[in-house]
Every structure is written in C-alpha cells, then in structure tokens.
Amino acid sequence: MNKIERKTHHIDAAGKVSGRLATEIVCLLRGKNKADYQPHIDNGDFVEVTNCDKMKFTGKKMEQKEYHWHTQHPGGIKSKLMKDVFAKDPSEVLKKAVWGMMAKNKLRARMILRLIIK
C-alpha cells in the first residue's frame, strides 16, 4: 500500500470572503486537488490559516446568521448570532463553515483535525 504524502498549505484569510475560503480549504483537506483523488480515501493535506479576524462577510450575515444547537434536554434548543461567536473567537466561524461543507461521513472528523487555524 502506498504511503500518503501530505503537504502543508498556508492560507492568509485577510480580505477573503468566508464561504469561498471555506470551499478552498475543504478541497485541500479532502485531497480533491490531487490526481489520485478517490472519495473513500482520506488523502488530503494539512491547511494552516492565518488572519481569521480579518475575513470578509457578504450581506447581513453578521447580524442575521444564527448557530443552533440542542442541549439534549426538553426545550433545550439554543442559538447564538454569528457576530457574538466572531467577537469571542473568529476562528470558530471559519471552522463551522468548513465543517458544514465537508462530506457527512466517517472521514470528516479525521479531516478536520488537519485544519490548523492561527
């Protein structure tokens, strides 16, 4: 069996739109930029992102977009606005965008570990 060679890609997020940046990151994490891409094999690269606090957002996402989760208790649905999450930790917004764009399978948890946000 061939050993998978993983490169490290450095991306500067300053001035980039969050959604377009997330799709670029997902492509690198899944390995879709490689000639030997197969959807059932995890052969993606490492991605290191800097300047997450300088990302751009189009439209009114900061005021209108909400993140929802459930506490597993009756009536326990909670939500937070994107601007509150971004103010606390800008990297969390990008991580949630990348997580949501990845394929919903067993490889997703391993692939997200190769995303390094500084």
Protein backbone atom coordinates (compact mmCIF):
# COMPACT_ATOMS: atom_id res chain seq x y z
CA MET A 1 0.00 0.00 0.00
CA ASN A 2 1.30 3.46 -0.89
CA LYS A 3 2.13 5.95 1.82
CA ILE A 4 0.11 9.16 1.58
CA GLU A 5 2.27 12.27 1.25
CA ARG A 6 0.67 15.27 2.92
CA LYS A 7 1.78 18.82 2.15
CA THR A 8 1.07 21.87 4.30
CA HIS A 9 -0.78 24.72 2.62
CA HIS A 10 -0.59 28.21 4.18
CA ILE A 11 -3.59 30.46 3.54
CA ASP A 12 -3.95 34.11 4.54
CA ALA A 13 -7.63 34.82 5.26
CA ALA A 14 -7.26 38.61 5.32
CA GLY A 15 -9.77 40.20 2.93
CA LYS A 16 -11.20 36.88 1.70
CA VAL A 17 -14.91 36.02 1.80
CA SER A 18 -15.59 33.33 4.40
CA GLY A 19 -17.61 30.93 2.22
CA ARG A 20 -15.22 30.97 -0.71
CA LEU A 21 -12.31 30.48 1.66
CA ALA A 22 -14.07 27.53 3.30
CA THR A 23 -14.64 25.77 -0.04
CA GLU A 24 -10.97 26.20 -0.91
CA ILE A 25 -9.98 24.70 2.45
CA VAL A 26 -12.37 21.75 2.09
CA CYS A 27 -10.95 20.95 -1.35
CA LEU A 28 -7.43 20.81 0.12
CA LEU A 29 -8.47 18.81 3.20
CA ARG A 30 -10.27 16.17 1.12
CA GLY A 31 -7.45 15.92 -1.43
CA LYS A 32 -9.59 16.85 -4.43
CA ASN A 33 -6.68 18.84 -5.87
CA LYS A 34 -4.62 15.66 -6.32
CA ALA A 35 -4.58 13.44 -9.39
CA ASP A 36 -5.13 10.26 -7.35
CA TYR A 37 -8.29 11.52 -5.57
CA GLN A 38 -10.77 8.86 -4.50
CA PRO A 39 -13.78 9.79 -2.35
CA HIS A 40 -13.41 6.84 0.05
CA ILE A 41 -9.72 7.50 0.80
CA ASP A 42 -8.54 10.27 3.12
CA ASN A 43 -5.51 11.61 1.23
CA GLY A 44 -5.88 15.35 1.87
CA ASP A 45 -3.25 17.82 3.01
CA PHE A 46 -2.73 19.99 6.07
CA VAL A 47 -4.13 23.53 5.87
CA GLU A 48 -2.83 26.34 8.05
CA VAL A 49 -4.94 29.53 8.09
CA THR A 50 -3.86 32.90 9.49
CA ASN A 51 -5.63 36.27 9.98
CA CYS A 52 -9.11 34.85 10.55
CA ASP A 53 -10.12 38.04 12.33
CA LYS A 54 -9.74 39.96 9.02
CA MET A 55 -12.16 37.81 6.97
CA LYS A 56 -14.91 39.48 4.96
CA PHE A 57 -18.60 38.62 5.17
CA THR A 58 -21.09 39.48 2.44
CA GLY A 59 -24.63 40.64 3.04
CA LYS A 60 -26.05 40.86 6.56
CA LYS A 61 -24.65 37.56 7.84
CA MET A 62 -23.11 39.10 10.96
CA GLU A 63 -26.50 40.35 12.19
CA GLN A 64 -28.78 37.62 10.79
CA LYS A 65 -26.95 34.26 10.73
CA GLU A 66 -27.53 32.09 13.79
CA TYR A 67 -25.83 28.93 15.00
CA HIS A 68 -28.22 26.47 16.66
CA TRP A 69 -27.54 23.51 18.96
CA HIS A 70 -29.50 21.38 21.37
CA THR A 71 -28.60 20.56 24.98
CA GLN A 72 -30.37 17.15 24.83
CA HIS A 73 -32.84 18.31 27.50
CA PRO A 74 -36.51 19.02 26.78
CA GLY A 75 -36.86 22.52 25.33
CA GLY A 76 -33.08 22.86 25.22
CA ILE A 77 -32.59 24.43 21.79
CA LYS A 78 -30.11 27.29 21.95
CA SER A 79 -28.77 29.73 19.40
CA LYS A 80 -26.12 32.40 19.06
CA LEU A 81 -25.65 35.15 16.48
CA MET A 82 -22.63 35.00 14.22
CA LYS A 83 -21.37 38.38 15.42
CA ASP A 84 -21.22 37.09 19.02
CA VAL A 85 -19.33 33.95 18.01
CA PHE A 86 -16.97 36.01 15.80
CA ALA A 87 -16.30 38.50 18.61
CA LYS A 88 -15.37 35.70 21.02
CA ASP A 89 -13.35 33.52 18.61
CA PRO A 90 -13.07 34.40 14.88
CA SER A 91 -11.56 31.02 14.04
CA GLU A 92 -14.72 29.24 15.24
CA VAL A 93 -16.79 30.83 12.45
CA LEU A 94 -14.40 29.52 9.79
CA LYS A 95 -14.21 26.09 11.44
CA LYS A 96 -18.02 25.80 11.48
CA ALA A 97 -18.18 26.80 7.81
CA VAL A 98 -15.58 24.19 6.84
CA TRP A 99 -17.26 21.50 8.99
CA GLY A 100 -20.61 22.15 7.34
CA MET A 101 -19.16 21.93 3.82
CA MET A 102 -17.33 18.64 4.32
CA ALA A 103 -18.83 15.32 3.29
CA LYS A 104 -21.02 13.92 6.06
CA ASN A 105 -19.23 10.61 6.58
CA LYS A 106 -16.77 8.92 8.93
CA LEU A 107 -13.77 10.65 7.34
CA ARG A 108 -14.97 14.14 8.30
CA ALA A 109 -13.77 14.02 11.93
CA ARG A 110 -10.27 12.94 10.89
CA MET A 111 -10.04 15.51 8.09
CA ILE A 112 -10.98 18.47 10.31
CA LEU A 113 -8.03 17.64 12.58
CA ARG A 114 -5.69 18.69 9.76
CA LEU A 115 -7.14 22.22 9.79
CA ILE A 116 -4.87 24.50 11.81
CA ILE A 117 -6.19 27.99 12.48
CA LYS A 118 -3.85 30.58 14.00
